[in-house]
Protein backbone atom coordinates (compact mmCIF):
# COMPACT_ATOMS: atom_id res chain seq x y z
CA MET A 1 52.82 90.67 57.90
CA ARG A 2 50.79 87.29 57.04
CA TYR A 3 52.11 84.98 54.49
CA GLU A 4 50.61 83.18 51.59
CA SER A 5 48.92 79.46 52.35
CA SER A 6 51.99 78.20 49.64
CA VAL A 7 55.52 79.50 49.76
CA GLY A 8 58.56 78.16 48.16
CA LEU A 9 61.79 76.83 49.36
CA ALA A 10 63.30 80.50 49.31
CA ARG A 11 61.63 81.49 51.75
CA LEU A 12 62.34 78.93 54.75
CA ASP A 13 64.54 80.82 56.92
CA ASP A 14 61.10 83.20 57.55
CA PHE A 15 59.28 80.78 59.43
CA ASP A 16 59.58 79.94 62.99
CA GLU A 17 59.43 76.24 62.70
CA VAL A 18 59.45 73.68 59.99
CA VAL A 19 56.75 71.04 60.28
CA ASP A 20 56.68 67.82 58.12
CA VAL A 21 53.52 65.98 58.07
CA ARG A 22 54.75 62.82 56.52
CA SER A 23 54.44 59.41 57.90
CA PRO A 24 57.59 58.64 60.11
CA ALA A 25 59.03 56.35 58.10
CA GLU A 26 58.88 58.86 55.03
CA PHE A 27 60.49 61.31 57.73
CA ALA A 28 63.24 59.14 58.60
CA ILE A 29 64.70 58.55 55.10
CA ASP A 30 65.07 62.72 54.67
CA HIS A 31 63.37 65.44 55.73
CA VAL A 32 64.63 69.36 55.47
CA PRO A 33 67.06 69.49 58.40
CA GLY A 34 65.60 71.18 61.55
CA ALA A 35 61.95 69.97 60.70
CA VAL A 36 59.76 67.95 63.16
CA ASN A 37 57.62 65.46 62.30
CA CYS A 38 53.89 65.71 63.41
CA PRO A 39 52.53 62.88 60.96
CA VAL A 40 48.84 63.44 59.56
CA LEU A 41 49.12 59.67 59.12
CA SER A 42 50.97 57.08 61.06
CA ASN A 43 52.61 54.67 58.47
CA GLU A 44 50.04 51.97 59.41
CA GLU A 45 47.63 54.47 58.69
CA ARG A 46 49.29 55.48 55.02
CA ALA A 47 49.33 51.94 54.19
CA GLN A 48 45.60 51.27 55.14
CA VAL A 49 44.66 54.36 52.78
CA GLY A 50 46.50 53.74 50.10
CA THR A 51 45.01 50.08 50.43
CA VAL A 52 41.61 51.48 50.50
CA TYR A 53 42.35 53.50 47.62
CA LYS A 54 43.56 50.68 45.03
CA GLN A 55 41.15 48.31 46.12
CA ILE A 56 38.06 50.03 46.87
CA SER A 57 37.95 53.37 45.46
CA ALA A 58 39.77 56.98 45.73
CA PHE A 59 36.51 58.14 47.15
CA GLU A 60 36.51 55.65 50.12
CA ALA A 61 40.16 56.31 50.89
CA ARG A 62 39.59 60.18 51.12
CA LYS A 63 36.61 59.76 53.30
CA ILE A 64 38.91 57.22 56.09
CA GLY A 65 41.86 59.45 55.38
CA ALA A 66 40.48 62.45 56.04
CA ALA A 67 39.11 61.17 59.57
CA LEU A 68 42.27 60.34 60.25
CA VAL A 69 43.72 63.30 59.53
CA ALA A 70 41.73 65.32 61.62
CA LYS A 71 42.21 62.86 64.51
CA ASN A 72 45.81 63.58 64.33
CA VAL A 73 45.93 67.14 64.08
CA ALA A 74 43.52 67.28 66.80
CA ARG A 75 46.07 65.41 68.91
CA HIS A 76 48.94 67.83 67.49
CA LEU A 77 47.07 70.61 68.74
CA GLN A 78 46.75 69.18 71.91
CA THR A 79 50.57 68.03 72.04
CA HIS A 80 53.35 69.82 70.34
CA PHE A 81 51.35 72.95 69.20
CA ALA A 82 49.95 73.56 72.27
CA ALA A 83 52.21 75.95 73.87
CA ARG A 84 52.96 77.87 70.86
CA ASP A 85 51.65 81.48 70.90
CA GLN A 86 49.39 83.61 68.41
CA ARG A 87 52.81 84.71 66.91
CA TRP A 88 54.36 81.67 65.64
CA LYS A 89 54.50 81.11 62.36
CA PRO A 90 54.91 77.28 61.03
CA LEU A 91 55.79 76.15 57.36
CA ILE A 92 54.05 72.76 56.64
CA TYR A 93 55.07 70.21 54.13
CA CYS A 94 54.27 66.65 52.85
CA TRP A 95 55.10 64.65 50.12
CA ARG A 96 54.11 66.77 46.73
CA GLY A 97 52.61 70.03 49.01
CA GLY A 98 49.18 68.26 48.61
CA LYS A 99 46.14 67.18 50.91
CA ARG A 100 48.48 66.31 54.17
CA SER A 101 50.04 69.49 54.24
CA GLY A 102 46.78 71.21 53.05
CA SER A 103 44.56 70.06 55.63
CA MET A 104 47.19 70.61 58.62
CA THR A 105 47.93 74.62 56.91
CA LEU A 106 44.17 74.93 56.72
CA ILE A 107 43.12 74.11 60.34
CA LEU A 108 46.32 76.09 61.71
CA ARG A 109 45.43 79.30 60.03
CA GLU A 110 41.83 78.81 60.73
CA ILE A 111 42.98 78.90 64.07
CA GLY A 112 45.00 82.34 63.62
CA TRP A 113 48.15 81.08 63.43
CA ASP A 114 50.11 82.50 59.96
CA ALA A 115 51.10 79.34 58.45
CA ALA A 116 51.94 78.37 54.97
CA SER A 117 52.53 75.13 53.03
CA LEU A 118 55.82 74.68 51.24
CA GLN A 119 55.13 74.71 47.50
CA GLY A 120 55.72 71.12 46.03
CA GLY A 121 56.20 69.82 48.98
CA TYR A 122 59.09 67.76 50.01
CA GLN A 123 59.91 66.37 46.09
CA ASN A 124 60.26 69.79 45.08
CA TYR A 125 62.29 70.54 48.47
CA ARG A 126 64.60 67.15 47.30
CA ARG A 127 64.83 68.98 43.68
CA SER A 128 65.89 72.12 44.77
CA MET A 129 68.09 71.09 47.51
CA LEU A 130 70.47 69.05 44.88
CA VAL A 131 70.57 71.88 42.66
CA GLN A 132 72.11 73.95 45.32
CA LEU A 133 74.22 71.29 46.47
CA ALA A 134 75.43 71.20 43.14
CA GLU A 135 76.46 74.92 43.29
CA LEU A 136 76.94 75.81 47.04
CA PRO A 137 80.35 74.14 47.33
CA MET A 138 81.95 76.36 44.44
CA ARG A 139 81.25 79.18 46.60
CA CYS A 140 83.39 78.13 49.19
CA ASP A 141 87.28 78.73 50.24
CA PHE A 142 88.09 75.63 51.54
CA ARG A 143 91.10 75.03 53.81
CA ILE A 144 91.71 71.09 53.98
CA ILE A 145 92.60 69.33 57.38
CA CYS A 146 95.07 66.68 56.87
CA GLY A 147 97.09 64.00 58.73
CA PRO A 148 97.13 60.14 58.98
CA THR A 149 95.13 58.23 61.29
CA GLY A 150 95.25 59.44 65.08
CA SER A 151 96.50 62.74 64.37
CA GLY A 152 93.45 64.37 65.87
CA LYS A 153 91.82 65.86 62.88
CA SER A 154 88.13 65.72 64.08
CA ARG A 155 89.58 67.11 67.61
CA LEU A 156 91.27 70.02 65.60
CA LEU A 157 88.06 71.15 63.42
CA GLN A 158 86.08 70.89 66.96
CA ALA A 159 88.62 73.53 68.42
CA LEU A 160 88.24 75.67 65.17
CA ALA A 161 84.66 75.56 65.82
CA ALA A 162 85.28 76.77 69.32
CA ARG A 163 86.89 79.61 68.28
CA GLY A 164 84.09 80.51 65.85
CA ALA A 165 86.01 79.23 62.60
CA GLN A 166 83.30 77.65 59.67
CA VAL A 167 84.13 74.23 60.00
CA LEU A 168 82.20 71.72 58.04
CA ASP A 169 82.32 68.02 60.04
CA LEU A 170 81.67 65.61 57.09
CA GLU A 171 82.00 62.60 59.78
CA ALA A 172 80.06 64.16 62.26
CA LEU A 173 77.05 64.39 59.59
CA ALA A 174 77.88 60.77 58.61
CA ARG A 175 78.05 59.50 61.99
CA HIS A 176 80.63 57.68 61.28
CA ARG A 177 84.69 58.10 61.56
CA GLY A 178 85.59 57.11 58.32
CA SER A 179 87.64 53.69 58.51
CA VAL A 180 86.93 49.71 59.02
CA LEU A 181 86.39 50.66 62.54
CA GLY A 182 84.59 53.97 61.98
CA ASP A 183 81.11 52.80 63.03
CA LEU A 184 80.06 54.40 65.60
CA PRO A 185 78.48 52.08 68.59
CA GLY A 186 74.45 52.48 68.95
CA ASP A 187 74.26 55.44 66.43
CA PRO A 188 73.44 54.01 62.92
CA GLN A 189 74.27 56.31 60.14
CA PRO A 190 71.73 58.24 58.51
CA ALA A 191 70.34 57.36 54.76
CA GLN A 192 72.13 58.65 51.69
CA ARG A 193 69.51 61.47 51.34
CA MET A 194 69.75 62.53 55.18
CA PHE A 195 73.23 63.00 54.60
CA GLU A 196 72.64 65.13 51.51
CA SER A 197 70.69 67.46 53.57
CA LEU A 198 72.46 68.06 56.30
CA VAL A 199 75.46 68.69 54.20
CA TRP A 200 73.08 71.22 51.86
CA SER A 201 72.09 72.78 55.30
CA ALA A 202 75.60 73.45 56.76
CA LEU A 203 76.87 74.48 53.39
CA ARG A 204 74.06 77.11 52.85
CA ASN A 205 74.79 78.81 56.21
CA PHE A 206 78.28 79.81 55.49
CA ASP A 207 79.74 83.15 54.65
CA ALA A 208 81.55 82.60 51.07
CA GLY A 209 84.16 85.80 52.30
CA ARG A 210 85.77 83.27 55.22
CA PRO A 211 87.54 80.10 54.91
CA VAL A 212 85.75 76.62 55.51
CA PHE A 213 87.29 73.95 57.26
CA VAL A 214 86.88 70.45 56.37
CA GLU A 215 88.59 66.95 57.27
CA ALA A 216 90.05 64.91 54.04
CA GLU A 217 88.10 62.74 53.16
CA SER A 218 87.76 59.60 50.42
CA ARG A 219 84.67 59.00 47.97
CA ARG A 220 82.68 57.37 50.68
CA ILE A 221 82.41 57.87 54.59
CA GLY A 222 81.23 54.65 55.54
CA ALA A 223 78.45 53.19 53.56
CA LEU A 224 77.63 57.07 52.58
CA GLN A 225 78.91 58.90 49.55
CA VAL A 226 80.30 62.37 49.84
CA PRO A 227 78.61 64.58 47.33
CA GLN A 228 80.31 64.93 44.15
CA VAL A 229 80.88 68.49 43.91
CA LEU A 230 81.85 68.76 47.08
CA LEU A 231 84.74 66.40 47.03
CA GLY A 232 85.91 68.12 43.69
CA CYS A 233 86.25 71.29 45.07
CA MET A 234 88.07 69.92 48.47
CA ARG A 235 89.99 67.89 46.15
CA THR A 236 91.45 71.16 44.70
CA SER A 237 91.80 73.15 47.58
CA ARG A 238 94.67 74.29 50.02
CA CYS A 239 95.70 71.70 52.75
CA VAL A 240 97.06 71.94 56.12
CA ARG A 241 99.08 69.07 57.12
CA ILE A 242 98.95 68.01 60.82
CA GLU A 243 101.92 66.01 62.24
CA ALA A 244 102.15 64.31 65.49
CA PRO A 245 104.08 61.95 67.72
CA LEU A 246 103.42 57.90 66.91
CA ALA A 247 103.20 57.94 70.51
CA GLU A 248 100.39 60.36 70.69
CA ARG A 249 98.66 58.88 67.89
CA VAL A 250 98.72 55.63 69.71
CA ARG A 251 97.43 57.32 73.07
CA LEU A 252 94.63 59.03 71.10
CA LEU A 253 93.44 56.03 69.28
CA ILE A 254 93.00 54.10 72.39
CA ALA A 255 91.55 56.61 74.38
CA GLU A 256 88.80 57.57 71.36
CA TYR A 257 88.24 53.72 70.52
CA ARG A 258 88.11 52.37 74.11
CA HIS A 259 84.16 51.15 73.29
CA PHE A 260 86.11 48.36 70.39
CA LEU A 261 88.65 47.18 72.83
CA ALA A 262 85.67 45.85 75.25
CA GLU A 263 84.19 44.20 72.64
CA PRO A 264 87.35 42.24 70.84
CA ALA A 265 84.71 39.62 69.46
CA TRP A 266 83.47 42.43 67.42
CA LEU A 267 87.33 43.98 66.56
CA LYS A 268 88.31 40.47 65.21
CA THR A 269 85.15 40.46 62.86
CA GLN A 270 86.44 43.95 61.52
CA LEU A 271 89.70 43.41 61.21
CA SER A 272 89.34 40.07 59.36
CA ARG A 273 87.56 41.90 56.36
CA LEU A 274 91.15 43.48 55.88
CA THR A 275 92.13 39.79 55.01
CA GLY A 276 92.03 40.61 50.95
CA LEU A 277 94.36 43.85 51.74
CA HIS A 278 96.61 41.94 54.04
CA SER A 279 98.58 38.46 54.27
CA THR A 280 96.52 36.25 56.83
CA ALA A 281 100.02 36.12 58.84
CA THR A 282 99.59 39.92 59.63
CA VAL A 283 95.99 39.67 60.18
CA ALA A 284 96.43 36.55 62.63
CA ARG A 285 98.98 38.70 64.02
CA TRP A 286 96.30 41.30 65.11
CA ILE A 287 93.75 39.01 66.21
CA ALA A 288 96.66 37.58 68.66
CA GLN A 289 97.33 41.00 70.10
CA ILE A 290 93.66 41.25 70.32
CA GLU A 291 93.33 38.29 72.15
CA ALA A 292 96.57 38.88 74.87
CA GLY A 293 95.03 42.77 75.02
CA ALA A 294 98.16 44.15 73.64
CA TRP A 295 96.58 47.16 72.99
CA GLU A 296 99.36 49.39 72.16
CA GLY A 297 100.92 47.17 70.23
CA LEU A 298 98.03 46.36 68.03
CA VAL A 299 97.19 50.11 67.74
CA GLY A 300 100.95 50.84 66.35
CA ASP A 301 101.07 47.81 64.25
CA LEU A 302 97.92 48.74 62.30
CA LEU A 303 99.03 52.37 61.83
CA ALA A 304 102.59 50.86 60.94
CA THR A 305 101.05 48.25 58.55
CA HIS A 306 97.42 49.59 57.32
CA TYR A 307 96.72 52.80 57.99
CA ASP A 308 99.60 54.84 57.28
CA PRO A 309 100.45 53.72 53.85
CA ALA A 310 96.92 53.49 52.69
CA TYR A 311 96.52 57.31 53.94
CA LEU A 312 99.49 58.27 51.87
CA ARG A 313 98.70 56.35 48.87
CA SER A 314 95.14 58.16 49.00
CA MET A 315 96.38 61.83 49.80
CA ARG A 316 98.99 61.63 46.98
CA THR A 317 96.12 60.26 44.35
CA ASN A 318 93.13 62.97 45.91
CA TYR A 319 94.78 66.04 47.37
CA PRO A 320 97.77 67.40 44.79
CA ARG A 321 98.07 70.42 47.12
CA LEU A 322 99.24 68.40 50.24
CA THR A 323 102.78 68.94 49.08
CA ALA A 324 102.58 72.57 49.73
CA ALA A 325 100.57 72.27 53.12
CA TRP A 326 100.40 74.46 55.85
CA MET A 327 102.52 72.64 58.48
CA ARG A 328 101.47 71.90 61.95
CA ASP A 329 103.80 69.92 64.46
CA ALA A 330 101.26 68.63 67.19
CA ALA A 331 103.66 67.40 70.15
CA CYS A 332 100.76 66.63 72.15
CA LEU A 333 96.83 65.43 71.33
CA ASP A 334 95.09 66.82 74.10
CA ASP A 335 92.98 69.73 74.73
CA ALA A 336 95.48 72.20 75.51
CA GLY A 337 97.12 70.84 72.45
CA PHE A 338 93.91 71.46 70.10
CA GLU A 339 93.73 74.72 71.09
CA ALA A 340 97.03 75.67 70.67
CA SER A 341 97.22 74.06 66.94
CA ALA A 342 93.56 76.08 66.54
CA ARG A 343 94.84 79.17 67.59
CA ALA A 344 97.63 78.90 65.34
CA LEU A 345 96.19 77.86 62.50
CA LEU A 346 93.74 80.75 62.55
CA ASP A 347 96.81 83.39 62.97
CA SER A 348 98.57 82.01 60.42
CA ALA A 349 98.32 83.28 56.63
CA ILE A 350 96.34 80.10 55.50
CA ILE A 351 93.24 81.53 56.62
CA ALA A 352 93.73 84.99 53.94
CA GLY A 353 91.53 85.28 51.12
CA ARG A 354 91.19 82.92 47.73
CA GLU A 355 94.45 82.35 45.72
């Protein structure tokens, strides 16, 4: 089957590879999830062409741009595309589905590949994606994993996914653990637009006839906002409540946040941001525990003084179905314990159809 030279977003899954030919800076802000970046103009070249367009003429800009595009397409043919056989079917897009993607698509089709460009480019993708992002959550049958900080909600999601359950791991997509200490070292959060694209990509692949497990979240995960319709659907969904002994929660948190314990100065700075929520004496006590290396005492204190009260307030306000939640007492927060909890949850009545 040979595709027409331009297709809509509905045909996205018909192609072997999605190729974003925009500049690396444009690609970094947002792109179709799974797309590869093969720019026909670098960041600097795009700026150069734009300057010539404004200061001299559109003709001169097109002349310079065409030479640069030809050079860069040739480089991609010799590198990224070199191993592709004749059956390869790529979908190409740029900002508006214009000259950049058109040039790449034309060359690839002339070679003999069944290439097509995305109608309307990234701008049309973004509009269509946002429409779907407001519709897809309403088709999902969510099960909300609830539990105080340190009860292993993310680890339980991983165990559920390993057993074939449908899982929406928002914190993994946001690259943040959702608290004042939620930053992941060396792994910055994506832009808001990219986060929305990643959530859309996950939602569109779920089977509406099976439950989707997702951790209870607040409106924000680090610097990112959870899409409004998704959050609304989550807050009206059935809940699973995980309870674990305090000692187990402390042990798990120390193990998972050990990178912060190795940076006491950074940890002090982060906890100092809580001064508006707690007394100066309380924050000073935490700082003293850091300086003494009293990690178990510090984590237990933070849970009792800050995290657990904040969690209870948030859950009572935002997840009214928590009072009727399916309960799981997790005595041990290790691999075997998470596997047992996942198995018990999937065997329970809560995975049955919608109420």
